[in-house]
Amino acid sequence: KEIVLHMDGLFGILQSVIIVSRDSILTTMLFFLVSSFVLGFITGFDTTALAIVLPFMAQFNISGSLTYVFTYFIFGAGFIGYYFSPLHLCQAFTIEHMGVSTSEIYKEYRIYMPLLLLFLIVSTLVFFFVFGF
């Protein structure tokens, strides 16, 4: 909660990025990927990324079926950040119950996180070509 309450500087950065990346789909995707992933990762809640990033989507003048594609992408990136967050309660319980360290868990994640991000990006691009362009 405290992280979200003290995010005034982040909102200024996000607004300046919106102005720059409004016309490019790849820059828009990168903005949504980074912001959703980071918010999910630092808060440990996937809905935080949705609550903060989805209102920014309105600033990009996205309409029609692309709204659904970008919502899917924002949710996916936020969920991946949340899933691999050290604040994720299931992960915290696993570390405590199984007696492993956080570095041991992330050593196992080195394959899964890039694969999930790659799948999210590829599936979103497929959705763009099927529904958007």
N, C-alpha and C. Protein backbone atom coordinates (compact mmCIF):
# COMPACT_ATOMS: atom_id res chain seq x y z
N LYS A 1 0.82 -1.19 0.00
CA LYS A 1 0.00 0.00 0.00
C LYS A 1 0.87 1.25 0.00
N GLU A 2 1.93 1.25 0.79
CA GLU A 2 2.79 2.42 0.87
C GLU A 2 3.50 2.70 -0.46
N ILE A 3 3.86 1.64 -1.16
CA ILE A 3 4.51 1.82 -2.46
C ILE A 3 3.57 2.54 -3.42
N VAL A 4 2.33 2.12 -3.45
CA VAL A 4 1.36 2.72 -4.36
C VAL A 4 1.06 4.16 -3.95
N LEU A 5 1.00 4.44 -2.65
CA LEU A 5 0.69 5.78 -2.19
C LEU A 5 1.80 6.79 -2.49
N HIS A 6 3.02 6.32 -2.65
CA HIS A 6 4.15 7.22 -2.90
C HIS A 6 4.66 7.12 -4.34
N MET A 7 3.77 7.01 -5.29
CA MET A 7 4.15 6.81 -6.68
C MET A 7 3.97 8.08 -7.53
N ASP A 8 3.99 9.25 -6.94
CA ASP A 8 3.77 10.49 -7.69
C ASP A 8 4.82 10.67 -8.80
N GLY A 9 6.08 10.39 -8.51
CA GLY A 9 7.13 10.51 -9.52
C GLY A 9 6.93 9.54 -10.67
N LEU A 10 6.48 8.34 -10.35
CA LEU A 10 6.24 7.34 -11.39
C LEU A 10 5.13 7.79 -12.34
N PHE A 11 4.09 8.42 -11.79
CA PHE A 11 3.00 8.88 -12.64
C PHE A 11 3.46 9.97 -13.60
N GLY A 12 4.37 10.82 -13.17
CA GLY A 12 4.93 11.84 -14.08
C GLY A 12 5.70 11.21 -15.21
N ILE A 13 6.47 10.19 -14.89
CA ILE A 13 7.23 9.48 -15.93
C ILE A 13 6.28 8.78 -16.89
N LEU A 14 5.26 8.13 -16.35
CA LEU A 14 4.29 7.43 -17.19
C LEU A 14 3.58 8.38 -18.14
N GLN A 15 3.22 9.56 -17.66
CA GLN A 15 2.53 10.52 -18.52
C GLN A 15 3.45 11.01 -19.64
N SER A 16 4.73 11.22 -19.36
CA SER A 16 5.64 11.65 -20.43
C SER A 16 5.88 10.53 -21.43
N VAL A 17 5.89 9.29 -20.99
CA VAL A 17 6.05 8.16 -21.90
C VAL A 17 4.82 8.04 -22.80
N ILE A 18 3.65 8.30 -22.25
CA ILE A 18 2.42 8.22 -23.04
C ILE A 18 2.49 9.19 -24.21
N ILE A 19 2.97 10.39 -23.98
CA ILE A 19 3.05 11.38 -25.05
C ILE A 19 4.00 10.92 -26.15
N VAL A 20 5.12 10.32 -25.78
CA VAL A 20 6.11 9.88 -26.76
C VAL A 20 5.65 8.64 -27.53
N SER A 21 5.03 7.69 -26.85
CA SER A 21 4.76 6.38 -27.46
C SER A 21 3.34 6.23 -27.99
N ARG A 22 2.61 7.27 -28.11
CA ARG A 22 1.21 7.19 -28.50
C ARG A 22 1.01 6.61 -29.90
N ASP A 23 1.96 6.77 -30.81
CA ASP A 23 1.76 6.38 -32.20
C ASP A 23 2.36 5.02 -32.58
N SER A 24 3.15 4.43 -31.73
CA SER A 24 3.83 3.18 -32.06
C SER A 24 3.28 2.03 -31.23
N ILE A 25 2.86 0.96 -31.90
CA ILE A 25 2.30 -0.19 -31.17
C ILE A 25 3.39 -0.89 -30.36
N LEU A 26 4.59 -1.03 -30.91
CA LEU A 26 5.65 -1.72 -30.17
C LEU A 26 6.08 -0.93 -28.94
N THR A 27 6.17 0.39 -29.06
CA THR A 27 6.52 1.21 -27.90
C THR A 27 5.40 1.16 -26.87
N THR A 28 4.16 1.15 -27.33
CA THR A 28 3.03 1.03 -26.42
C THR A 28 3.06 -0.31 -25.69
N MET A 29 3.35 -1.39 -26.43
CA MET A 29 3.46 -2.71 -25.80
C MET A 29 4.58 -2.73 -24.78
N LEU A 30 5.72 -2.13 -25.11
CA LEU A 30 6.84 -2.09 -24.17
C LEU A 30 6.46 -1.32 -22.91
N PHE A 31 5.77 -0.20 -23.08
CA PHE A 31 5.31 0.58 -21.93
C PHE A 31 4.39 -0.25 -21.05
N PHE A 32 3.41 -0.92 -21.66
CA PHE A 32 2.47 -1.73 -20.89
C PHE A 32 3.17 -2.93 -20.24
N LEU A 33 4.10 -3.54 -20.94
CA LEU A 33 4.82 -4.69 -20.39
C LEU A 33 5.62 -4.28 -19.16
N VAL A 34 6.42 -3.25 -19.30
CA VAL A 34 7.29 -2.84 -18.19
C VAL A 34 6.47 -2.34 -17.01
N SER A 35 5.50 -1.46 -17.27
CA SER A 35 4.74 -0.89 -16.16
C SER A 35 3.91 -1.96 -15.45
N SER A 36 3.25 -2.84 -16.19
CA SER A 36 2.43 -3.88 -15.55
C SER A 36 3.29 -4.88 -14.80
N PHE A 37 4.38 -5.31 -15.42
CA PHE A 37 5.26 -6.28 -14.78
C PHE A 37 5.84 -5.71 -13.49
N VAL A 38 6.34 -4.48 -13.55
CA VAL A 38 6.97 -3.87 -12.38
C VAL A 38 5.95 -3.68 -11.26
N LEU A 39 4.75 -3.20 -11.60
CA LEU A 39 3.74 -3.00 -10.57
C LEU A 39 3.31 -4.33 -9.95
N GLY A 40 3.16 -5.37 -10.75
CA GLY A 40 2.83 -6.68 -10.20
C GLY A 40 3.95 -7.22 -9.33
N PHE A 41 5.20 -6.98 -9.74
CA PHE A 41 6.35 -7.49 -9.01
C PHE A 41 6.55 -6.78 -7.69
N ILE A 42 6.44 -5.44 -7.67
CA ILE A 42 6.75 -4.71 -6.44
C ILE A 42 5.61 -4.74 -5.43
N THR A 43 4.39 -5.00 -5.89
CA THR A 43 3.28 -5.03 -4.94
C THR A 43 2.89 -6.44 -4.53
N GLY A 44 3.14 -7.42 -5.37
CA GLY A 44 2.73 -8.78 -5.06
C GLY A 44 1.25 -9.03 -5.29
N PHE A 45 0.59 -8.12 -6.02
CA PHE A 45 -0.83 -8.28 -6.36
C PHE A 45 -1.00 -8.04 -7.85
N ASP A 46 -1.69 -8.96 -8.52
CA ASP A 46 -1.87 -8.78 -9.96
C ASP A 46 -2.92 -7.72 -10.28
N THR A 47 -3.86 -7.50 -9.40
CA THR A 47 -4.90 -6.50 -9.68
C THR A 47 -4.38 -5.06 -9.56
N THR A 48 -3.29 -4.86 -8.85
CA THR A 48 -2.71 -3.52 -8.75
C THR A 48 -2.26 -3.03 -10.12
N ALA A 49 -1.65 -3.90 -10.89
CA ALA A 49 -1.21 -3.51 -12.23
C ALA A 49 -2.41 -3.13 -13.08
N LEU A 50 -3.49 -3.88 -12.98
CA LEU A 50 -4.70 -3.55 -13.74
C LEU A 50 -5.28 -2.21 -13.30
N ALA A 51 -5.36 -2.00 -12.01
CA ALA A 51 -5.98 -0.78 -11.49
C ALA A 51 -5.20 0.47 -11.86
N ILE A 52 -3.89 0.36 -12.00
CA ILE A 52 -3.07 1.53 -12.29
C ILE A 52 -2.84 1.70 -13.78
N VAL A 53 -2.58 0.62 -14.51
CA VAL A 53 -2.20 0.73 -15.92
C VAL A 53 -3.41 0.86 -16.84
N LEU A 54 -4.52 0.21 -16.54
CA LEU A 54 -5.68 0.30 -17.43
C LEU A 54 -6.18 1.73 -17.63
N PRO A 55 -6.22 2.58 -16.60
CA PRO A 55 -6.61 3.96 -16.87
C PRO A 55 -5.66 4.69 -17.82
N PHE A 56 -4.39 4.31 -17.81
CA PHE A 56 -3.45 4.92 -18.75
C PHE A 56 -3.74 4.51 -20.19
N MET A 57 -4.36 3.33 -20.35
CA MET A 57 -4.67 2.87 -21.70
C MET A 57 -5.62 3.83 -22.41
N ALA A 58 -6.47 4.49 -21.68
CA ALA A 58 -7.39 5.46 -22.28
C ALA A 58 -6.65 6.64 -22.90
N GLN A 59 -5.45 6.93 -22.42
CA GLN A 59 -4.65 8.04 -22.95
C GLN A 59 -4.03 7.71 -24.31
N PHE A 60 -4.03 6.44 -24.69
CA PHE A 60 -3.40 6.01 -25.93
C PHE A 60 -4.34 6.00 -27.13
N ASN A 61 -5.57 6.38 -26.95
CA ASN A 61 -6.56 6.39 -28.04
C ASN A 61 -6.70 5.03 -28.71
N ILE A 62 -6.77 3.99 -27.90
CA ILE A 62 -6.94 2.63 -28.40
C ILE A 62 -8.44 2.35 -28.45
N SER A 63 -8.90 1.82 -29.57
CA SER A 63 -10.33 1.57 -29.67
C SER A 63 -10.59 0.21 -30.28
N GLY A 64 -11.85 -0.19 -30.23
CA GLY A 64 -12.26 -1.44 -30.86
C GLY A 64 -11.69 -2.66 -30.19
N SER A 65 -11.40 -3.65 -31.00
CA SER A 65 -10.93 -4.93 -30.48
C SER A 65 -9.52 -4.83 -29.89
N LEU A 66 -8.76 -3.80 -30.27
CA LEU A 66 -7.42 -3.65 -29.70
C LEU A 66 -7.48 -3.38 -28.19
N THR A 67 -8.58 -2.83 -27.73
CA THR A 67 -8.74 -2.61 -26.29
C THR A 67 -8.67 -3.94 -25.55
N TYR A 68 -9.31 -4.95 -26.10
CA TYR A 68 -9.30 -6.27 -25.46
C TYR A 68 -7.92 -6.91 -25.53
N VAL A 69 -7.24 -6.72 -26.65
CA VAL A 69 -5.90 -7.29 -26.80
C VAL A 69 -4.95 -6.65 -25.81
N PHE A 70 -4.99 -5.33 -25.69
CA PHE A 70 -4.10 -4.66 -24.74
C PHE A 70 -4.48 -4.99 -23.30
N THR A 71 -5.76 -5.17 -23.01
CA THR A 71 -6.17 -5.57 -21.66
C THR A 71 -5.62 -6.95 -21.32
N TYR A 72 -5.69 -7.87 -22.29
CA TYR A 72 -5.10 -9.19 -22.11
C TYR A 72 -3.59 -9.07 -21.83
N PHE A 73 -2.93 -8.22 -22.59
CA PHE A 73 -1.48 -8.05 -22.45
C PHE A 73 -1.14 -7.44 -21.09
N ILE A 74 -1.88 -6.43 -20.67
CA ILE A 74 -1.63 -5.79 -19.38
C ILE A 74 -1.86 -6.78 -18.24
N PHE A 75 -2.96 -7.53 -18.33
CA PHE A 75 -3.23 -8.52 -17.28
C PHE A 75 -2.14 -9.58 -17.25
N GLY A 76 -1.73 -10.07 -18.41
CA GLY A 76 -0.70 -11.10 -18.47
C GLY A 76 0.62 -10.63 -17.90
N ALA A 77 1.05 -9.42 -18.27
CA ALA A 77 2.31 -8.90 -17.76
C ALA A 77 2.24 -8.65 -16.26
N GLY A 78 1.11 -8.13 -15.78
CA GLY A 78 0.95 -7.91 -14.34
C GLY A 78 0.94 -9.22 -13.57
N PHE A 79 0.29 -10.23 -14.16
CA PHE A 79 0.24 -11.53 -13.50
C PHE A 79 1.62 -12.17 -13.43
N ILE A 80 2.40 -12.06 -14.49
CA ILE A 80 3.75 -12.64 -14.48
C ILE A 80 4.60 -11.94 -13.43
N GLY A 81 4.50 -10.61 -13.35
CA GLY A 81 5.23 -9.88 -12.31
C GLY A 81 4.80 -10.30 -10.92
N TYR A 82 3.50 -10.44 -10.73
CA TYR A 82 2.96 -10.88 -9.44
C TYR A 82 3.41 -12.30 -9.10
N TYR A 83 3.37 -13.19 -10.09
CA TYR A 83 3.69 -14.59 -9.84
C TYR A 83 5.14 -14.77 -9.40
N PHE A 84 6.03 -13.98 -9.96
CA PHE A 84 7.45 -14.12 -9.62
C PHE A 84 7.89 -13.14 -8.54
N SER A 85 6.97 -12.42 -7.95
CA SER A 85 7.29 -11.46 -6.90
C SER A 85 7.68 -12.18 -5.61
N PRO A 86 8.69 -11.67 -4.92
CA PRO A 86 9.02 -12.26 -3.62
C PRO A 86 7.92 -11.99 -2.58
N LEU A 87 7.02 -11.06 -2.86
CA LEU A 87 5.91 -10.77 -1.96
C LEU A 87 4.70 -11.65 -2.21
N HIS A 88 4.74 -12.44 -3.28
CA HIS A 88 3.64 -13.36 -3.59
C HIS A 88 3.52 -14.33 -2.41
N LEU A 89 2.35 -14.41 -1.83
CA LEU A 89 2.20 -15.17 -0.60
C LEU A 89 2.49 -16.66 -0.75
N CYS A 90 2.15 -17.23 -1.89
CA CYS A 90 2.46 -18.65 -2.11
C CYS A 90 3.96 -18.89 -2.14
N GLN A 91 4.68 -17.96 -2.75
CA GLN A 91 6.13 -18.09 -2.81
C GLN A 91 6.73 -17.89 -1.42
N ALA A 92 6.25 -16.92 -0.68
CA ALA A 92 6.75 -16.69 0.68
C ALA A 92 6.50 -17.92 1.56
N PHE A 93 5.32 -18.51 1.42
CA PHE A 93 5.00 -19.72 2.19
C PHE A 93 5.91 -20.88 1.78
N THR A 94 6.14 -21.03 0.49
CA THR A 94 7.01 -22.10 -0.01
C THR A 94 8.42 -21.95 0.54
N ILE A 95 8.94 -20.74 0.52
CA ILE A 95 10.29 -20.49 1.03
C ILE A 95 10.38 -20.85 2.51
N GLU A 96 9.36 -20.44 3.26
CA GLU A 96 9.37 -20.73 4.70
C GLU A 96 9.15 -22.21 4.99
N HIS A 97 8.18 -22.81 4.33
CA HIS A 97 7.81 -24.21 4.62
C HIS A 97 8.85 -25.21 4.11
N MET A 98 9.39 -24.96 2.94
CA MET A 98 10.34 -25.91 2.34
C MET A 98 11.78 -25.66 2.79
N GLY A 99 12.02 -24.50 3.42
CA GLY A 99 13.37 -24.22 3.91
C GLY A 99 14.37 -23.92 2.81
N VAL A 100 13.92 -23.28 1.74
CA VAL A 100 14.83 -22.90 0.67
C VAL A 100 15.01 -21.39 0.69
N SER A 101 16.04 -20.93 0.01
CA SER A 101 16.29 -19.48 -0.04
C SER A 101 15.63 -18.89 -1.29
N THR A 102 15.49 -17.59 -1.27
CA THR A 102 14.91 -16.90 -2.41
C THR A 102 15.78 -17.07 -3.65
N SER A 103 17.09 -17.05 -3.48
CA SER A 103 17.98 -17.22 -4.63
C SER A 103 17.84 -18.61 -5.26
N GLU A 104 17.59 -19.63 -4.44
CA GLU A 104 17.37 -20.97 -5.00
C GLU A 104 16.08 -21.03 -5.82
N ILE A 105 15.06 -20.34 -5.34
CA ILE A 105 13.79 -20.30 -6.09
C ILE A 105 14.00 -19.58 -7.42
N TYR A 106 14.67 -18.43 -7.39
CA TYR A 106 14.87 -17.67 -8.62
C TYR A 106 15.82 -18.38 -9.59
N LYS A 107 16.67 -19.23 -9.08
CA LYS A 107 17.51 -20.04 -9.96
C LYS A 107 16.64 -20.97 -10.80
N GLU A 108 15.60 -21.50 -10.18
CA GLU A 108 14.65 -22.35 -10.92
C GLU A 108 13.80 -21.53 -11.89
N TYR A 109 13.53 -20.29 -11.55
CA TYR A 109 12.69 -19.43 -12.39
C TYR A 109 13.38 -18.92 -13.63
N ARG A 110 14.69 -19.04 -13.73
CA ARG A 110 15.43 -18.45 -14.85
C ARG A 110 14.96 -18.96 -16.21
N ILE A 111 14.33 -20.10 -16.26
CA ILE A 111 13.79 -20.64 -17.51
C ILE A 111 12.33 -20.22 -17.69
N TYR A 112 11.56 -20.28 -16.62
CA TYR A 112 10.12 -20.07 -16.74
C TYR A 112 9.72 -18.63 -17.01
N MET A 113 10.37 -17.67 -16.38
CA MET A 113 9.99 -16.27 -16.57
C MET A 113 10.19 -15.82 -18.02
N PRO A 114 11.35 -16.06 -18.63
CA PRO A 114 11.49 -15.66 -20.04
C PRO A 114 10.52 -16.39 -20.97
N LEU A 115 10.26 -17.67 -20.68
CA LEU A 115 9.31 -18.41 -21.52
C LEU A 115 7.90 -17.84 -21.42
N LEU A 116 7.48 -17.50 -20.21
CA LEU A 116 6.16 -16.91 -20.05
C LEU A 116 6.06 -15.55 -20.72
N LEU A 117 7.09 -14.74 -20.58
CA LEU A 117 7.09 -13.43 -21.24
C LEU A 117 7.08 -13.58 -22.76
N LEU A 118 7.86 -14.52 -23.27
CA LEU A 118 7.87 -14.77 -24.71
C LEU A 118 6.51 -15.23 -25.19
N PHE A 119 5.89 -16.14 -24.46
CA PHE A 119 4.56 -16.62 -24.84
C PHE A 119 3.54 -15.48 -24.82
N LEU A 120 3.62 -14.62 -23.81
CA LEU A 120 2.70 -13.49 -23.72
C LEU A 120 2.88 -12.55 -24.91
N ILE A 121 4.10 -12.25 -25.27
CA ILE A 121 4.36 -11.34 -26.39
C ILE A 121 3.92 -11.96 -27.71
N VAL A 122 4.26 -13.21 -27.94
CA VAL A 122 3.88 -13.88 -29.19
C VAL A 122 2.37 -14.02 -29.30
N SER A 123 1.71 -14.41 -28.22
CA SER A 123 0.26 -14.56 -28.28
C SER A 123 -0.43 -13.21 -28.49
N THR A 124 0.11 -12.16 -27.91
CA THR A 124 -0.46 -10.83 -28.11
C THR A 124 -0.29 -10.39 -29.56
N LEU A 125 0.88 -10.64 -30.13
CA LEU A 125 1.09 -10.29 -31.54
C LEU A 125 0.15 -11.07 -32.46
N VAL A 126 -0.08 -12.33 -32.13
CA VAL A 126 -1.04 -13.13 -32.91
C VAL A 126 -2.44 -12.50 -32.80
N PHE A 127 -2.83 -12.11 -31.59
CA PHE A 127 -4.12 -11.45 -31.40
C PHE A 127 -4.20 -10.14 -32.18
N PHE A 128 -3.09 -9.40 -32.25
CA PHE A 128 -3.09 -8.17 -33.03
C PHE A 128 -3.41 -8.44 -34.49
N PHE A 129 -2.77 -9.47 -35.03
CA PHE A 129 -2.97 -9.76 -36.44
C PHE A 129 -4.35 -10.37 -36.72
N VAL A 130 -4.89 -11.11 -35.75
CA VAL A 130 -6.20 -11.70 -35.93
C VAL A 130 -7.32 -10.69 -35.72
N PHE A 131 -7.21 -9.86 -34.69
CA PHE A 131 -8.30 -8.98 -34.32
C PHE A 131 -8.09 -7.50 -34.63
N GLY A 132 -6.81 -7.07 -34.71
CA GLY A 132 -6.58 -5.64 -34.73
C GLY A 132 -6.20 -5.00 -36.03
N PHE A 133 -5.28 -5.57 -36.73
CA PHE A 133 -4.79 -4.90 -37.94
C PHE A 133 -5.71 -5.24 -39.04
